[in-house]
Structure formats: structure tokens, C-alpha cells
Amino acid sequence: MTAYVIIPGIDGSDGQHWQTLWERQWGTSAVRIRPASWSAPDLDDWVDAVQEAYDDASRREGQVVLVAHSLGCWAATAWLNKNPASPAGGAFLVAPPDPHGPAFPRRAAATFLEVSAQPLPCPALVVGSADDPYCTPEAAAGFAARWEARWHPAGALGHINSAGGLGSWEQGRALLDSLTRP
């Protein structure tokens, strides 16, 4: 069986976000991180929250897959780089924001400004949008290359969040399945 660690971006994922809808479908096989603050994210706190959720998820099931969106991608990759021996089954990284891009929330997420993309110790898939206001497709493809992850351009889906009306985002589920399928 697979367990999932849900790692939303700044302000969390609302009730119509694909992460929340997937979490509901997965039931007890999913664990959402619980940082001290969703609106004033601190990288160390978020990495610690990933650790707690990972520990919880690994007790429930066998393989654990990280499912991250937006700023959560950086928390997931920072945790993976801090824990290279962890048996994470994969990292599904959707719409990572560019910390050096003009739309990055520098004040709110100041501790994320110095993150860097380094090779990840598990299979990973980065999904980006052609019209994401927080990251150009070229920057997202560059992150994927430095993470040594597969890159998937998903077309024009904005920030790939609930504002785009994706619902349970079936294309995303197929992509996640392609990452976790043996």
C-alpha cells in the first residue's frame, strides 16, 4: 500500500483544491503537514512538519509518497535533502514557485529565498503550467533538471490550484500514478 504526505503551499489548500480532494479520497492513507503557520511560512518549521507527517504516514502504510504543491515543493525537497536515506517512494512536485521570480512572496516566505534545487534521493516528477504567475515553465524545467526529476509541462493551468477549477484533477492523478507505478 501507499501512504501520502500532503504538503500544500502558503495558506494551505482550500476545500476545492485537488490536494484536499485527493486527501479525502485517500482517507487514512493521507497525512497533511501541520506547520505552525500557513500564512507566515518558516522553512525549518515546514521541514519539521514534513518529518512529523512522514513519520505518521510511514507507520500506517508501506511506501510513502510526498504530494507537494507550490511552496510545499520547496519544503518537500528540503526535507528530502536533509533525509537522503529516507525510503520515500517518490515526490510529486506541482507548480513550484520561483524564489527569485517577481511574484514570489518575499516577505511572507523570506526563509524560503535561499533554497536551491539539488538532486533528490527518490524518483520525482515536477508538473508545471505554461501560465503560472509564480514560475515560468523554463524555471520549473530547470528545477526539475537540478532535482533530477521528470518534467511534465501540463499546459496552461495557472498555478494548478483551486482557482483554476481543476476539481480532483484527473490528469494529475494519472501523472502521480505514473510516478508510483512499479
C-alpha atoms as a PDB file:
ATOM      1  CA  MET A   1       0.000   0.000   0.000  1.00  0.00           C
ATOM      2  CA  THR A   2       0.987   3.602  -0.448  1.00  0.00           C
ATOM      3  CA  ALA A   3       0.635   6.411   2.063  1.00  0.00           C
ATOM      4  CA  TYR A   4       0.730  10.052   1.034  1.00  0.00           C
ATOM      5  CA  VAL A   5       2.129  13.116   2.760  1.00  0.00           C
ATOM      6  CA  ILE A   6       0.176  16.167   1.600  1.00  0.00           C
ATOM      7  CA  ILE A   7       2.346  19.305   1.517  1.00  0.00           C
ATOM      8  CA  PRO A   8       0.316  22.361   0.448  1.00  0.00           C
ATOM      9  CA  GLY A   9       1.701  25.786  -0.311  1.00  0.00           C
ATOM     10  CA  ILE A  10       1.298  29.074   1.512  1.00  0.00           C
ATOM     11  CA  ASP A  11      -2.122  29.428   3.182  1.00  0.00           C
ATOM     12  CA  GLY A  12      -2.726  25.666   2.815  1.00  0.00           C
ATOM     13  CA  SER A  13      -5.034  24.107   0.234  1.00  0.00           C
ATOM     14  CA  ASP A  14      -8.711  25.038   0.434  1.00  0.00           C
ATOM     15  CA  GLY A  15     -11.636  22.621   0.233  1.00  0.00           C
ATOM     16  CA  GLN A  16     -11.792  22.718  -3.569  1.00  0.00           C
ATOM     17  CA  HIS A  17      -8.054  22.203  -4.135  1.00  0.00           C
ATOM     18  CA  TRP A  18      -7.064  18.930  -5.799  1.00  0.00           C
ATOM     19  CA  GLN A  19      -4.772  18.115  -2.832  1.00  0.00           C
ATOM     20  CA  THR A  20      -7.683  18.336  -0.403  1.00  0.00           C
ATOM     21  CA  LEU A  21      -9.960  16.323  -2.686  1.00  0.00           C
ATOM     22  CA  TRP A  22      -7.308  13.612  -3.072  1.00  0.00           C
ATOM     23  CA  GLU A  23      -6.704  13.608   0.676  1.00  0.00           C
ATOM     24  CA  ARG A  24     -10.402  12.947   1.258  1.00  0.00           C
ATOM     25  CA  GLN A  25     -10.355  10.099  -1.281  1.00  0.00           C
ATOM     26  CA  TRP A  26      -7.292   8.526   0.308  1.00  0.00           C
ATOM     27  CA  GLY A  27      -8.718   8.724   3.832  1.00  0.00           C
ATOM     28  CA  THR A  28      -6.337   7.386   6.468  1.00  0.00           C
ATOM     29  CA  SER A  29      -3.668   6.743   3.822  1.00  0.00           C
ATOM     30  CA  ALA A  30      -3.041  10.511   3.646  1.00  0.00           C
ATOM     31  CA  VAL A  31      -1.406  12.775   6.219  1.00  0.00           C
ATOM     32  CA  ARG A  32      -1.312  16.565   5.762  1.00  0.00           C
ATOM     33  CA  ILE A  33       1.574  18.526   7.230  1.00  0.00           C
ATOM     34  CA  ARG A  34       0.739  20.779  10.175  1.00  0.00           C
ATOM     35  CA  PRO A  35       3.159  23.706  10.288  1.00  0.00           C
ATOM     36  CA  ALA A  36       2.923  26.393  12.952  1.00  0.00           C
ATOM     37  CA  SER A  37       1.739  28.905  10.338  1.00  0.00           C
ATOM     38  CA  TRP A  38       0.321  28.532   6.852  1.00  0.00           C
ATOM     39  CA  SER A  39       0.411  32.274   6.140  1.00  0.00           C
ATOM     40  CA  ALA A  40       3.856  33.086   7.575  1.00  0.00           C
ATOM     41  CA  PRO A  41       5.799  30.004   6.490  1.00  0.00           C
ATOM     42  CA  ASP A  42       9.163  29.213   8.034  1.00  0.00           C
ATOM     43  CA  LEU A  43      11.253  26.693   6.098  1.00  0.00           C
ATOM     44  CA  ASP A  44      12.638  24.906   9.171  1.00  0.00           C
ATOM     45  CA  ASP A  45       9.160  24.653  10.692  1.00  0.00           C
ATOM     46  CA  TRP A  46       7.704  23.315   7.445  1.00  0.00           C
ATOM     47  CA  VAL A  47      10.533  20.762   7.080  1.00  0.00           C
ATOM     48  CA  ASP A  48       9.868  19.630  10.668  1.00  0.00           C
ATOM     49  CA  ALA A  49       6.155  19.347   9.791  1.00  0.00           C
ATOM     50  CA  VAL A  50       7.044  17.168   6.791  1.00  0.00           C
ATOM     51  CA  GLN A  51       9.084  14.945   9.120  1.00  0.00           C
ATOM     52  CA  GLU A  52       6.164  14.556  11.539  1.00  0.00           C
ATOM     53  CA  ALA A  53       3.731  13.761   8.739  1.00  0.00           C
ATOM     54  CA  TYR A  54       6.204  11.346   7.156  1.00  0.00           C
ATOM     55  CA  ASP A  55       6.690   9.528  10.461  1.00  0.00           C
ATOM     56  CA  ASP A  56       2.912   9.271  10.892  1.00  0.00           C
ATOM     57  CA  ALA A  57       2.361   8.084   7.308  1.00  0.00           C
ATOM     58  CA  SER A  58       5.151   5.509   7.445  1.00  0.00           C
ATOM     59  CA  ARG A  59       3.527   3.876  10.490  1.00  0.00           C
ATOM     60  CA  ARG A  60       0.243   3.499   8.603  1.00  0.00           C
ATOM     61  CA  GLU A  61       1.364   2.027   5.300  1.00  0.00           C
ATOM     62  CA  GLY A  62       4.447   0.798   3.475  1.00  0.00           C
ATOM     63  CA  GLN A  63       5.681   3.203   0.784  1.00  0.00           C
ATOM     64  CA  VAL A  64       5.318   6.941   1.430  1.00  0.00           C
ATOM     65  CA  VAL A  65       4.943   9.433  -1.417  1.00  0.00           C
ATOM     66  CA  LEU A  66       5.196  13.192  -0.943  1.00  0.00           C
ATOM     67  CA  VAL A  67       2.486  15.172  -2.768  1.00  0.00           C
ATOM     68  CA  ALA A  68       3.521  18.821  -2.785  1.00  0.00           C
ATOM     69  CA  HIS A  69       2.093  21.986  -4.298  1.00  0.00           C
ATOM     70  CA  SER A  70       3.654  25.418  -4.695  1.00  0.00           C
ATOM     71  CA  LEU A  71       5.785  26.450  -1.693  1.00  0.00           C
ATOM     72  CA  GLY A  72       5.275  22.916  -0.373  1.00  0.00           C
ATOM     73  CA  CYS A  73       7.575  21.693  -3.181  1.00  0.00           C
ATOM     74  CA  TRP A  74      10.468  23.520  -1.533  1.00  0.00           C
ATOM     75  CA  ALA A  75       9.590  22.131   1.904  1.00  0.00           C
ATOM     76  CA  ALA A  76       9.415  18.619   0.419  1.00  0.00           C
ATOM     77  CA  THR A  77      12.737  18.883  -1.404  1.00  0.00           C
ATOM     78  CA  ALA A  78      14.466  20.480   1.586  1.00  0.00           C
ATOM     79  CA  TRP A  79      13.219  17.587   3.750  1.00  0.00           C
ATOM     80  CA  LEU A  80      14.362  15.016   1.186  1.00  0.00           C
ATOM     81  CA  ASN A  81      17.809  16.593   1.001  1.00  0.00           C
ATOM     82  CA  LYS A  82      18.016  16.620   4.810  1.00  0.00           C
ATOM     83  CA  ASN A  83      16.955  12.942   4.923  1.00  0.00           C
ATOM     84  CA  PRO A  84      18.620  11.300   1.921  1.00  0.00           C
ATOM     85  CA  ALA A  85      18.374   7.818   3.445  1.00  0.00           C
ATOM     86  CA  SER A  86      14.606   8.035   3.940  1.00  0.00           C
ATOM     87  CA  PRO A  87      12.763   5.379   1.991  1.00  0.00           C
ATOM     88  CA  ALA A  88      10.407   7.880   0.321  1.00  0.00           C
ATOM     89  CA  GLY A  89       8.730   6.222  -2.629  1.00  0.00           C
ATOM     90  CA  GLY A  90       8.587   9.404  -4.644  1.00  0.00           C
ATOM     91  CA  ALA A  91       7.953  13.137  -4.742  1.00  0.00           C
ATOM     92  CA  PHE A  92       5.134  14.633  -6.813  1.00  0.00           C
ATOM     93  CA  LEU A  93       6.033  18.330  -7.084  1.00  0.00           C
ATOM     94  CA  VAL A  94       3.372  20.565  -8.621  1.00  0.00           C
ATOM     95  CA  ALA A  95       3.812  24.238  -9.540  1.00  0.00           C
ATOM     96  CA  PRO A  96       6.994  25.044  -7.602  1.00  0.00           C
ATOM     97  CA  PRO A  97       7.312  28.824  -7.288  1.00  0.00           C
ATOM     98  CA  ASP A  98      10.497  30.542  -8.378  1.00  0.00           C
ATOM     99  CA  PRO A  99      12.071  32.071  -5.229  1.00  0.00           C
ATOM    100  CA  HIS A 100      13.827  34.595  -7.478  1.00  0.00           C
ATOM    101  CA  GLY A 101      10.775  35.367  -9.614  1.00  0.00           C
ATOM    102  CA  PRO A 102       8.914  38.682  -9.425  1.00  0.00           C
ATOM    103  CA  ALA A 103       5.730  37.211  -7.889  1.00  0.00           C
ATOM    104  CA  PHE A 104       7.393  35.232  -5.082  1.00  0.00           C
ATOM    105  CA  PRO A 105       6.015  36.307  -1.658  1.00  0.00           C
ATOM    106  CA  ARG A 106       9.381  37.518  -0.357  1.00  0.00           C
ATOM    107  CA  ARG A 107       8.127  38.986   2.908  1.00  0.00           C
ATOM    108  CA  ALA A 108       5.795  36.160   3.840  1.00  0.00           C
ATOM    109  CA  ALA A 109       8.204  33.391   2.825  1.00  0.00           C
ATOM    110  CA  ALA A 110      11.589  35.010   3.474  1.00  0.00           C
ATOM    111  CA  THR A 111      13.147  31.811   4.851  1.00  0.00           C
ATOM    112  CA  PHE A 112      12.481  30.095   1.504  1.00  0.00           C
ATOM    113  CA  LEU A 113      14.523  32.615  -0.514  1.00  0.00           C
ATOM    114  CA  GLU A 114      17.805  30.727  -0.212  1.00  0.00           C
ATOM    115  CA  VAL A 115      16.525  27.264  -1.144  1.00  0.00           C
ATOM    116  CA  SER A 116      18.297  25.562  -4.007  1.00  0.00           C
ATOM    117  CA  ALA A 117      17.361  22.673  -6.240  1.00  0.00           C
ATOM    118  CA  GLN A 118      19.685  19.723  -5.639  1.00  0.00           C
ATOM    119  CA  PRO A 119      19.434  16.090  -6.802  1.00  0.00           C
ATOM    120  CA  LEU A 120      16.720  14.233  -4.909  1.00  0.00           C
ATOM    121  CA  PRO A 121      17.235  10.784  -3.350  1.00  0.00           C
ATOM    122  CA  CYS A 122      13.997   9.334  -4.755  1.00  0.00           C
ATOM    123  CA  PRO A 123      12.019   9.307  -8.004  1.00  0.00           C
ATOM    124  CA  ALA A 124      10.356  12.671  -8.578  1.00  0.00           C
ATOM    125  CA  LEU A 125       8.023  14.302 -11.063  1.00  0.00           C
ATOM    126  CA  VAL A 126       7.694  18.073 -11.482  1.00  0.00           C
ATOM    127  CA  VAL A 127       4.491  19.363 -13.058  1.00  0.00           C
ATOM    128  CA  GLY A 128       4.363  22.955 -14.266  1.00  0.00           C
ATOM    129  CA  SER A 129       1.994  25.243 -16.093  1.00  0.00           C
ATOM    130  CA  ALA A 130       2.626  27.391 -19.149  1.00  0.00           C
ATOM    131  CA  ASP A 131       0.979  30.378 -17.466  1.00  0.00           C
ATOM    132  CA  ASP A 132       1.861  30.001 -13.786  1.00  0.00           C
ATOM    133  CA  PRO A 133       2.190  33.520 -12.339  1.00  0.00           C
ATOM    134  CA  TYR A 134       4.748  32.274  -9.792  1.00  0.00           C
ATOM    135  CA  CYS A 135       7.116  30.408 -12.116  1.00  0.00           C
ATOM    136  CA  THR A 136       7.932  30.324 -15.805  1.00  0.00           C
ATOM    137  CA  PRO A 137       7.938  26.922 -17.499  1.00  0.00           C
ATOM    138  CA  GLU A 138      11.651  27.380 -18.172  1.00  0.00           C
ATOM    139  CA  ALA A 139      12.409  27.936 -14.478  1.00  0.00           C
ATOM    140  CA  ALA A 140      10.262  24.936 -13.467  1.00  0.00           C
ATOM    141  CA  ALA A 141      12.002  22.748 -16.061  1.00  0.00           C
ATOM    142  CA  GLY A 142      15.329  23.958 -14.654  1.00  0.00           C
ATOM    143  CA  PHE A 143      14.293  22.973 -11.130  1.00  0.00           C
ATOM    144  CA  ALA A 144      13.260  19.545 -12.442  1.00  0.00           C
ATOM    145  CA  ALA A 145      16.660  19.108 -14.101  1.00  0.00           C
ATOM    146  CA  ARG A 146      18.553  20.092 -10.939  1.00  0.00           C
ATOM    147  CA  TRP A 147      16.306  17.839  -8.833  1.00  0.00           C
ATOM    148  CA  GLU A 148      16.986  15.054 -11.381  1.00  0.00           C
ATOM    149  CA  ALA A 149      13.227  14.703 -11.691  1.00  0.00           C
ATOM    150  CA  ARG A 150      10.984  14.022 -14.645  1.00  0.00           C
ATOM    151  CA  TRP A 151       9.473  17.204 -16.066  1.00  0.00           C
ATOM    152  CA  HIS A 152       5.879  17.412 -17.283  1.00  0.00           C
ATOM    153  CA  PRO A 153       4.535  20.620 -18.849  1.00  0.00           C
ATOM    154  CA  ALA A 154       0.790  20.442 -18.138  1.00  0.00           C
ATOM    155  CA  GLY A 155      -0.385  23.207 -20.474  1.00  0.00           C
ATOM    156  CA  ALA A 156      -1.996  26.466 -19.374  1.00  0.00           C
ATOM    157  CA  LEU A 157      -3.375  25.659 -15.911  1.00  0.00           C
ATOM    158  CA  GLY A 158      -2.394  28.799 -13.995  1.00  0.00           C
ATOM    159  CA  HIS A 159      -0.920  27.929 -10.601  1.00  0.00           C
ATOM    160  CA  ILE A 160      -2.560  24.479 -10.764  1.00  0.00           C
ATOM    161  CA  ASN A 161      -4.773  25.229  -7.784  1.00  0.00           C
ATOM    162  CA  SER A 162      -8.452  25.580  -6.949  1.00  0.00           C
ATOM    163  CA  ALA A 163      -8.632  28.986  -8.683  1.00  0.00           C
ATOM    164  CA  GLY A 164      -8.261  27.113 -11.979  1.00  0.00           C
ATOM    165  CA  GLY A 165     -11.348  24.992 -11.299  1.00  0.00           C
ATOM    166  CA  LEU A 166      -9.436  21.721 -11.675  1.00  0.00           C
ATOM    167  CA  GLY A 167     -11.602  19.790  -9.224  1.00  0.00           C
ATOM    168  CA  SER A 168      -9.998  16.441  -8.448  1.00  0.00           C
ATOM    169  CA  TRP A 169      -7.598  16.962 -11.395  1.00  0.00           C
ATOM    170  CA  GLU A 170      -7.708  13.576 -13.090  1.00  0.00           C
ATOM    171  CA  GLN A 171      -4.686  14.413 -15.287  1.00  0.00           C
ATOM    172  CA  GLY A 172      -2.705  14.962 -12.085  1.00  0.00           C
ATOM    173  CA  ARG A 173      -3.806  11.620 -10.634  1.00  0.00           C
ATOM    174  CA  ALA A 174      -2.645   9.891 -13.808  1.00  0.00           C
ATOM    175  CA  LEU A 175       0.713  11.661 -13.500  1.00  0.00           C
ATOM    176  CA  LEU A 176       1.034  10.684  -9.832  1.00  0.00           C
ATOM    177  CA  ASP A 177       0.192   7.089 -10.739  1.00  0.00           C
ATOM    178  CA  SER A 178       2.914   7.149 -13.421  1.00  0.00           C
ATOM    179  CA  LEU A 179       5.405   8.113 -10.698  1.00  0.00           C
ATOM    180  CA  THR A 180       4.355   5.461  -8.203  1.00  0.00           C
ATOM    181  CA  ARG A 181       3.522   2.582 -10.543  1.00  0.00           C
ATOM    182  CA  PRO A 182       6.146  -0.195 -10.357  1.00  0.00           C
END
